[in-house]
């Protein structure tokens, strides 16, 4: 097993999750600034997290081929 590529994979996944978390936090803040209730803002934040992580992983899959 090549531990260098495993470490690179884990770091890349961590960066993707971090990017998605930042996007979700920004979406939460914008929803609250707009005047949305906390459950609505959390829902928008969750959708944004899922969409951003999906796009990151799709892009990484495309680049690895």
N, C-alpha and C. Protein backbone atom coordinates (compact mmCIF):
# COMPACT_ATOMS: atom_id res chain seq x y z
N UNK A 1 0.84 -1.18 0.00
CA UNK A 1 0.00 0.00 0.00
C UNK A 1 0.89 1.24 0.00
N UNK A 2 0.53 2.18 -0.84
CA UNK A 2 1.27 3.43 -0.92
C UNK A 2 0.67 4.43 0.05
N UNK A 3 1.39 4.70 1.15
CA UNK A 3 0.84 5.59 2.17
C UNK A 3 0.86 7.05 1.74
N UNK A 4 1.71 7.39 0.80
CA UNK A 4 1.73 8.76 0.30
C UNK A 4 0.45 9.12 -0.42
N UNK A 5 -0.05 8.22 -1.25
CA UNK A 5 -1.29 8.52 -1.96
C UNK A 5 -2.50 8.46 -1.03
N UNK A 6 -2.44 7.62 0.00
CA UNK A 6 -3.53 7.57 0.98
C UNK A 6 -3.59 8.86 1.77
N UNK A 7 -2.43 9.37 2.15
CA UNK A 7 -2.40 10.64 2.88
C UNK A 7 -2.90 11.78 2.00
N UNK A 8 -2.51 11.78 0.74
CA UNK A 8 -2.97 12.82 -0.18
C UNK A 8 -4.48 12.75 -0.37
N UNK A 9 -5.01 11.54 -0.46
CA UNK A 9 -6.45 11.37 -0.60
C UNK A 9 -7.18 11.92 0.63
N UNK A 10 -6.69 11.61 1.82
CA UNK A 10 -7.35 12.09 3.04
C UNK A 10 -7.26 13.61 3.16
N UNK A 11 -6.14 14.18 2.78
CA UNK A 11 -6.00 15.63 2.84
C UNK A 11 -6.95 16.28 1.83
N UNK A 12 -7.06 15.71 0.65
CA UNK A 12 -7.95 16.25 -0.37
C UNK A 12 -9.41 16.17 0.08
N UNK A 13 -9.79 15.07 0.69
CA UNK A 13 -11.16 14.94 1.20
C UNK A 13 -11.42 15.91 2.34
N UNK A 14 -10.41 16.12 3.19
CA UNK A 14 -10.57 17.07 4.30
C UNK A 14 -10.75 18.49 3.77
N UNK A 15 -10.01 18.84 2.73
CA UNK A 15 -10.17 20.17 2.13
C UNK A 15 -11.55 20.31 1.49
N UNK A 16 -12.04 19.27 0.85
CA UNK A 16 -13.38 19.32 0.25
C UNK A 16 -14.45 19.51 1.32
N UNK A 17 -14.33 18.79 2.43
CA UNK A 17 -15.30 18.93 3.52
C UNK A 17 -15.19 20.31 4.14
N UNK A 18 -13.99 20.83 4.28
CA UNK A 18 -13.80 22.16 4.84
C UNK A 18 -14.42 23.22 3.93
N UNK A 19 -14.22 23.09 2.62
CA UNK A 19 -14.83 24.01 1.67
C UNK A 19 -16.35 23.96 1.76
N UNK A 20 -16.91 22.76 1.84
CA UNK A 20 -18.37 22.62 1.93
C UNK A 20 -18.90 23.21 3.24
N UNK A 21 -18.14 23.06 4.32
CA UNK A 21 -18.55 23.61 5.61
C UNK A 21 -18.54 25.14 5.57
N UNK A 22 -17.53 25.71 4.95
CA UNK A 22 -17.48 27.17 4.82
C UNK A 22 -18.64 27.68 3.97
N UNK A 23 -18.93 26.99 2.89
CA UNK A 23 -20.07 27.37 2.05
C UNK A 23 -21.38 27.29 2.82
N UNK A 24 -21.52 26.25 3.64
CA UNK A 24 -22.74 26.10 4.44
C UNK A 24 -22.85 27.20 5.49
N UNK A 25 -21.74 27.55 6.10
CA UNK A 25 -21.76 28.63 7.10
C UNK A 25 -22.13 29.96 6.46
N UNK A 26 -21.62 30.22 5.27
CA UNK A 26 -21.97 31.45 4.56
C UNK A 26 -23.45 31.45 4.20
N UNK A 27 -23.97 30.30 3.75
CA UNK A 27 -25.39 30.21 3.41
C UNK A 27 -26.26 30.42 4.66
N UNK A 28 -25.83 29.90 5.79
CA UNK A 28 -26.57 30.10 7.04
C UNK A 28 -26.59 31.58 7.41
N UNK A 29 -25.43 32.21 7.32
CA UNK A 29 -25.35 33.63 7.66
C UNK A 29 -26.20 34.49 6.73
N UNK A 30 -26.17 34.19 5.44
CA UNK A 30 -26.97 34.96 4.50
C UNK A 30 -28.47 34.75 4.72
N UNK A 31 -28.85 33.53 5.06
CA UNK A 31 -30.26 33.26 5.32
C UNK A 31 -30.73 33.99 6.57
N UNK A 32 -29.89 34.01 7.60
CA UNK A 32 -30.28 34.73 8.83
C UNK A 32 -30.31 36.23 8.58
N UNK A 33 -29.39 36.74 7.76
CA UNK A 33 -29.36 38.15 7.44
C UNK A 33 -30.60 38.56 6.66
N UNK A 34 -31.09 37.60 5.85
CA UNK A 34 -32.30 37.85 5.08
C UNK A 34 -33.54 37.86 5.98
N UNK A 35 -33.43 37.33 7.19
CA UNK A 35 -34.54 37.32 8.13
C UNK A 35 -35.22 35.98 8.27
N UNK A 36 -34.61 34.93 7.74
CA UNK A 36 -35.20 33.60 7.85
C UNK A 36 -35.07 33.07 9.27
N UNK A 37 -36.00 32.21 9.65
CA UNK A 37 -35.93 31.59 10.97
C UNK A 37 -34.76 30.60 11.00
N UNK A 38 -34.36 30.23 12.21
CA UNK A 38 -33.20 29.35 12.36
C UNK A 38 -33.41 27.99 11.68
N UNK A 39 -34.58 27.33 11.83
CA UNK A 39 -34.74 26.06 11.12
C UNK A 39 -34.65 26.19 9.60
N UNK A 40 -35.16 27.28 9.05
CA UNK A 40 -35.07 27.50 7.62
C UNK A 40 -33.62 27.74 7.20
N UNK A 41 -32.90 28.52 8.01
CA UNK A 41 -31.49 28.79 7.71
C UNK A 41 -30.67 27.51 7.80
N UNK A 42 -30.97 26.65 8.76
CA UNK A 42 -30.26 25.37 8.87
C UNK A 42 -30.56 24.47 7.68
N UNK A 43 -31.80 24.52 7.21
CA UNK A 43 -32.16 23.72 6.04
C UNK A 43 -31.39 24.19 4.81
N UNK A 44 -31.33 25.49 4.61
CA UNK A 44 -30.57 26.03 3.48
C UNK A 44 -29.09 25.70 3.62
N UNK A 45 -28.60 25.75 4.84
CA UNK A 45 -27.21 25.43 5.09
C UNK A 45 -26.91 23.96 4.78
N UNK A 46 -27.81 23.09 5.15
CA UNK A 46 -27.63 21.67 4.86
C UNK A 46 -27.65 21.36 3.38
N UNK A 47 -28.55 22.02 2.66
CA UNK A 47 -28.63 21.83 1.21
C UNK A 47 -27.35 22.35 0.55
N UNK A 48 -26.86 23.48 1.02
CA UNK A 48 -25.64 24.04 0.47
C UNK A 48 -24.44 23.14 0.75
N UNK A 49 -24.37 22.58 1.96
CA UNK A 49 -23.27 21.67 2.30
C UNK A 49 -23.29 20.45 1.38
N UNK A 50 -24.46 19.87 1.20
CA UNK A 50 -24.57 18.68 0.35
C UNK A 50 -24.21 18.99 -1.09
N UNK A 51 -24.69 20.12 -1.60
CA UNK A 51 -24.41 20.49 -2.98
C UNK A 51 -22.93 20.79 -3.19
N UNK A 52 -22.32 21.52 -2.26
CA UNK A 52 -20.91 21.87 -2.41
C UNK A 52 -20.03 20.62 -2.31
N UNK A 53 -20.34 19.73 -1.40
CA UNK A 53 -19.54 18.50 -1.26
C UNK A 53 -19.71 17.61 -2.49
N UNK A 54 -20.92 17.54 -3.01
CA UNK A 54 -21.15 16.75 -4.23
C UNK A 54 -20.36 17.31 -5.40
N UNK A 55 -20.37 18.63 -5.56
CA UNK A 55 -19.62 19.24 -6.65
C UNK A 55 -18.12 19.05 -6.49
N UNK A 56 -17.62 19.17 -5.27
CA UNK A 56 -16.20 18.96 -5.01
C UNK A 56 -15.80 17.53 -5.36
N UNK A 57 -16.56 16.57 -4.90
CA UNK A 57 -16.23 15.17 -5.13
C UNK A 57 -16.39 14.81 -6.60
N UNK A 58 -17.37 15.38 -7.28
CA UNK A 58 -17.52 15.13 -8.71
C UNK A 58 -16.34 15.69 -9.48
N UNK A 59 -15.90 16.88 -9.11
CA UNK A 59 -14.73 17.47 -9.75
C UNK A 59 -13.47 16.66 -9.50
N UNK A 60 -13.30 16.19 -8.27
CA UNK A 60 -12.13 15.37 -7.96
C UNK A 60 -12.16 14.04 -8.71
N UNK A 61 -13.35 13.46 -8.86
CA UNK A 61 -13.47 12.23 -9.62
C UNK A 61 -13.13 12.46 -11.08
N UNK A 62 -13.60 13.58 -11.62
CA UNK A 62 -13.31 13.90 -13.02
C UNK A 62 -11.81 14.11 -13.24
N UNK A 63 -11.17 14.79 -12.29
CA UNK A 63 -9.74 15.07 -12.43
C UNK A 63 -8.87 13.83 -12.24
N UNK A 64 -9.36 12.84 -11.51
CA UNK A 64 -8.55 11.65 -11.25
C UNK A 64 -8.56 10.67 -12.42
N UNK A 65 -9.41 10.87 -13.39
CA UNK A 65 -9.48 9.95 -14.53
C UNK A 65 -8.60 10.35 -15.63
